[in-house]
Amino acid sequence: MKVFIVDDHPIVLQGLKNLLEAREGIEVTGIFDQGEPALLALATSLPDVILLDVNLPDTSGIILCQKIKQRYPAVKVVALSVHNERTVIMGILQSGASAYVLKNALGDDIISALHAAMQGQTFLCAGTQKALNSGTGSDLKEVPRLTRREKEILELIGRGYTTQQIAADLFISTHTVESHRKNLMEKFEAPNTATVIRLATEFGLMQN
């Protein structure tokens, strides 16, 4: 089994590499601290599985997973994350990931996830299963679909613009801006725009 590891933390990268290479039959053929270089590397060297951190500095793991599966459908993706929000979990599973393992899970869970992915199965660590079955957190079943105007407003909110500044920048009324803010919070089932921004960033919706 050939494996790529994509994670922006050097210690995690090295730890995962050591964990996998200690197992017979697993070969780490690439390690990357950003998403785009990993995607480019697939053009010349295809692994069987990619162990992918959901949060990367240059792109969303959800968006990257979509790109990988669109271009190289045979490559399996195992998501690795600190996030146990159901929306994040569902977002990357819907993007084609075969497994979701929390970073506080056991090393054996990662190995099991890799083998399950290779066999065409879905693997969720115990913490992930608990998060999906829990009544807490977001109840979103999928990544919200945003209009072009909502994306524009989301970008400006993320930059710290006030309602008045957004209205002036987009040549719309403050009432219209507030309506979009309300719609965004409803779509993300979030109590405030700060939560909307956090979720939108995790889903890769803040990128132009």
Protein backbone atom coordinates (compact mmCIF):
# COMPACT_ATOMS: atom_id res chain seq x y z
CA MET A 1 0.00 0.00 0.00
CA LYS A 2 1.51 3.33 -1.09
CA VAL A 3 0.49 6.31 1.03
CA PHE A 4 0.76 10.10 0.77
CA ILE A 5 0.56 12.08 4.02
CA VAL A 6 -0.70 15.67 3.90
CA ASP A 7 -0.52 17.66 7.17
CA ASP A 8 0.84 21.11 7.98
CA HIS A 9 2.35 20.16 11.35
CA PRO A 10 5.93 18.82 11.02
CA ILE A 11 5.72 16.78 14.23
CA VAL A 12 2.45 15.17 13.14
CA LEU A 13 3.89 14.46 9.69
CA GLN A 14 6.93 12.72 11.14
CA GLY A 15 4.84 10.83 13.69
CA LEU A 16 2.47 9.54 11.02
CA LYS A 17 5.37 8.59 8.76
CA ASN A 18 6.99 6.61 11.58
CA LEU A 19 3.67 4.96 12.49
CA LEU A 20 2.98 3.81 8.93
CA GLU A 21 6.49 2.72 8.02
CA ALA A 22 6.62 0.53 11.12
CA ARG A 23 3.81 -1.55 9.62
CA GLU A 24 4.55 -4.24 7.10
CA GLY A 25 3.08 -3.67 3.67
CA ILE A 26 2.76 0.13 3.97
CA GLU A 27 5.10 2.47 2.12
CA VAL A 28 5.02 6.27 2.53
CA THR A 29 5.74 7.61 -0.95
CA GLY A 30 5.14 11.30 -0.26
CA ILE A 31 4.78 13.75 2.62
CA PHE A 32 3.42 17.27 2.15
CA ASP A 33 2.70 20.22 4.45
CA GLN A 34 0.29 21.86 2.00
CA GLY A 35 -2.51 20.67 -0.25
CA GLU A 36 -1.65 22.04 -3.68
CA PRO A 37 1.86 20.48 -3.86
CA ALA A 38 0.29 17.12 -2.98
CA LEU A 39 -2.27 17.55 -5.76
CA LEU A 40 0.48 18.40 -8.26
CA ALA A 41 2.53 15.36 -7.17
CA LEU A 42 -0.35 13.06 -8.11
CA ALA A 43 0.33 13.82 -11.77
CA THR A 44 3.58 11.87 -11.59
CA SER A 45 3.15 9.48 -8.65
CA LEU A 46 -0.19 7.97 -7.65
CA PRO A 47 -0.48 6.50 -4.14
CA ASP A 48 -3.18 4.03 -3.15
CA VAL A 49 -4.34 6.16 -0.23
CA ILE A 50 -3.92 9.77 0.89
CA LEU A 51 -3.96 10.50 4.61
CA LEU A 52 -5.34 14.02 4.54
CA ASP A 53 -5.57 16.68 7.23
CA VAL A 54 -8.89 18.52 6.89
CA ASN A 55 -7.35 21.89 7.85
CA LEU A 56 -4.48 23.02 5.62
CA PRO A 57 -2.89 26.47 5.28
CA ASP A 58 -3.38 26.82 1.52
CA THR A 59 -6.71 25.11 0.89
CA SER A 60 -9.66 23.38 2.54
CA GLY A 61 -9.27 19.63 2.93
CA ILE A 62 -12.87 19.26 1.74
CA ILE A 63 -12.13 21.11 -1.52
CA LEU A 64 -8.86 19.21 -1.97
CA CYS A 65 -10.64 15.88 -1.46
CA GLN A 66 -13.15 16.83 -4.15
CA LYS A 67 -10.36 17.66 -6.59
CA ILE A 68 -8.50 14.42 -5.85
CA LYS A 69 -11.58 12.27 -6.35
CA GLN A 70 -12.57 14.10 -9.55
CA ARG A 71 -9.13 13.70 -11.14
CA TYR A 72 -8.01 10.41 -9.61
CA PRO A 73 -11.14 8.47 -8.54
CA ALA A 74 -9.15 5.31 -7.76
CA VAL A 75 -7.12 7.06 -5.05
CA LYS A 76 -8.65 6.61 -1.59
CA VAL A 77 -8.76 9.47 0.90
CA VAL A 78 -8.62 9.03 4.68
CA ALA A 79 -9.45 12.28 6.51
CA LEU A 80 -7.57 13.14 9.68
CA SER A 81 -8.81 16.02 11.82
CA VAL A 82 -9.16 17.64 15.22
CA HIS A 83 -12.74 18.63 14.30
CA ASN A 84 -15.61 16.51 15.55
CA GLU A 85 -18.41 18.72 14.17
CA ARG A 86 -20.89 16.65 12.20
CA THR A 87 -20.97 19.15 9.35
CA VAL A 88 -17.22 18.92 8.79
CA ILE A 89 -17.33 15.11 8.96
CA MET A 90 -20.26 14.89 6.54
CA GLY A 91 -18.71 17.51 4.26
CA ILE A 92 -15.56 15.51 3.57
CA LEU A 93 -17.34 12.14 3.45
CA GLN A 94 -19.70 13.60 0.83
CA SER A 95 -16.62 14.82 -1.04
CA GLY A 96 -15.46 11.22 -1.44
CA ALA A 97 -13.36 10.42 1.63
CA SER A 98 -13.45 6.76 2.70
CA ALA A 99 -12.71 7.37 6.36
CA TYR A 100 -12.63 10.01 9.08
CA VAL A 101 -10.26 9.68 12.03
CA LEU A 102 -9.87 12.19 14.84
CA LYS A 103 -6.30 13.17 15.70
CA ASN A 104 -6.74 12.02 19.30
CA ALA A 105 -7.64 8.50 18.12
CA LEU A 106 -5.31 5.51 18.48
CA GLY A 107 -2.64 4.80 15.89
CA ASP A 108 -4.36 1.49 15.22
CA ASP A 109 -7.45 3.43 14.11
CA ILE A 110 -5.41 5.10 11.37
CA ILE A 111 -4.09 1.74 10.20
CA SER A 112 -7.59 0.26 10.27
CA ALA A 113 -8.90 3.23 8.28
CA LEU A 114 -6.25 2.76 5.59
CA HIS A 115 -7.04 -0.94 5.21
CA ALA A 116 -10.79 -0.29 5.20
CA ALA A 117 -10.36 2.33 2.47
CA MET A 118 -8.34 -0.11 0.37
CA GLN A 119 -11.17 -2.64 0.67
CA GLY A 120 -13.76 -0.09 -0.46
CA GLN A 121 -15.25 0.28 3.01
CA THR A 122 -16.04 3.35 5.12
CA PHE A 123 -14.26 3.69 8.46
CA LEU A 124 -15.13 6.06 11.31
CA CYS A 125 -13.16 6.06 14.57
CA ALA A 126 -15.12 5.81 17.83
CA GLY A 127 -14.93 9.58 18.43
CA THR A 128 -16.27 10.29 14.95
CA GLN A 129 -19.16 7.86 15.40
CA LYS A 130 -19.99 9.51 18.72
CA ALA A 131 -19.98 12.97 17.11
CA LEU A 132 -22.31 11.81 14.33
CA ASN A 133 -24.70 10.19 16.82
CA SER A 134 -24.57 13.05 19.28
CA GLY A 135 -27.40 15.53 19.64
CA THR A 136 -24.97 18.39 20.18
CA GLY A 137 -23.32 20.64 17.63
CA SER A 138 -24.47 21.53 14.18
CA ASP A 139 -27.24 19.54 12.56
CA LEU A 140 -26.23 20.52 9.03
CA LYS A 141 -26.34 17.51 6.74
CA GLU A 142 -24.23 19.07 4.00
CA VAL A 143 -22.17 22.10 3.10
CA PRO A 144 -24.55 25.04 2.50
CA ARG A 145 -24.92 26.30 -1.07
CA LEU A 146 -24.33 30.05 -1.25
CA THR A 147 -25.32 32.61 -3.84
CA ARG A 148 -22.66 34.81 -5.45
CA ARG A 149 -23.84 37.78 -3.36
CA GLU A 150 -23.71 35.74 -0.14
CA LYS A 151 -20.13 34.73 -0.94
CA GLU A 152 -19.19 38.37 -1.52
CA ILE A 153 -20.70 39.43 1.79
CA LEU A 154 -19.09 36.48 3.57
CA GLU A 155 -15.68 37.52 2.25
CA LEU A 156 -16.15 41.09 3.48
CA ILE A 157 -17.41 39.96 6.90
CA GLY A 158 -14.29 37.78 7.10
CA ARG A 159 -12.15 40.84 6.45
CA GLY A 160 -13.78 42.64 9.34
CA TYR A 161 -16.05 44.98 7.35
CA THR A 162 -19.01 46.52 9.17
CA THR A 163 -22.54 46.40 7.76
CA GLN A 164 -22.15 50.03 6.64
CA GLN A 165 -18.81 49.33 4.93
CA ILE A 166 -20.22 46.26 3.14
CA ALA A 167 -23.21 48.27 1.95
CA ALA A 168 -20.96 51.02 0.58
CA ASP A 169 -18.56 48.55 -1.03
CA LEU A 170 -21.31 46.58 -2.80
CA PHE A 171 -23.63 49.55 -3.49
CA ILE A 172 -26.53 48.00 -1.60
CA SER A 173 -28.54 49.12 1.44
CA THR A 174 -27.60 48.25 5.02
CA HIS A 175 -30.99 46.53 5.28
CA THR A 176 -30.04 44.22 2.41
CA VAL A 177 -26.70 43.44 4.08
CA GLU A 178 -28.46 42.57 7.34
CA SER A 179 -30.89 40.32 5.42
CA HIS A 180 -27.95 38.45 3.88
CA ARG A 181 -26.28 38.13 7.30
CA LYS A 182 -29.51 36.63 8.67
CA ASN A 183 -29.77 34.23 5.72
CA LEU A 184 -26.15 33.13 6.17
CA MET A 185 -26.71 32.36 9.86
CA GLU A 186 -29.82 30.37 8.96
CA LYS A 187 -28.03 28.39 6.24
CA PHE A 188 -25.17 27.51 8.59
CA GLU A 189 -27.52 27.11 11.58
CA ALA A 190 -25.11 29.38 13.42
CA PRO A 191 -25.86 31.74 16.33
CA ASN A 192 -23.61 34.52 15.01
CA THR A 193 -21.50 35.54 12.01
CA ALA A 194 -18.26 34.53 13.77
CA THR A 195 -19.47 30.92 13.74
CA VAL A 196 -20.53 31.32 10.10
CA ILE A 197 -17.02 32.49 9.19
CA ARG A 198 -15.40 29.59 11.07
CA LEU A 199 -17.59 26.99 9.37
CA ALA A 200 -17.28 28.63 5.96
CA THR A 201 -13.49 28.61 6.30
CA GLU A 202 -13.47 24.91 7.20
CA PHE A 203 -15.65 24.14 4.18
CA GLY A 204 -13.42 26.12 1.82
CA LEU A 205 -16.18 28.63 1.06
CA MET A 206 -14.04 31.66 1.90
CA GLN A 207 -11.80 31.14 -1.12
CA ASN A 208 -12.40 33.03 -4.34
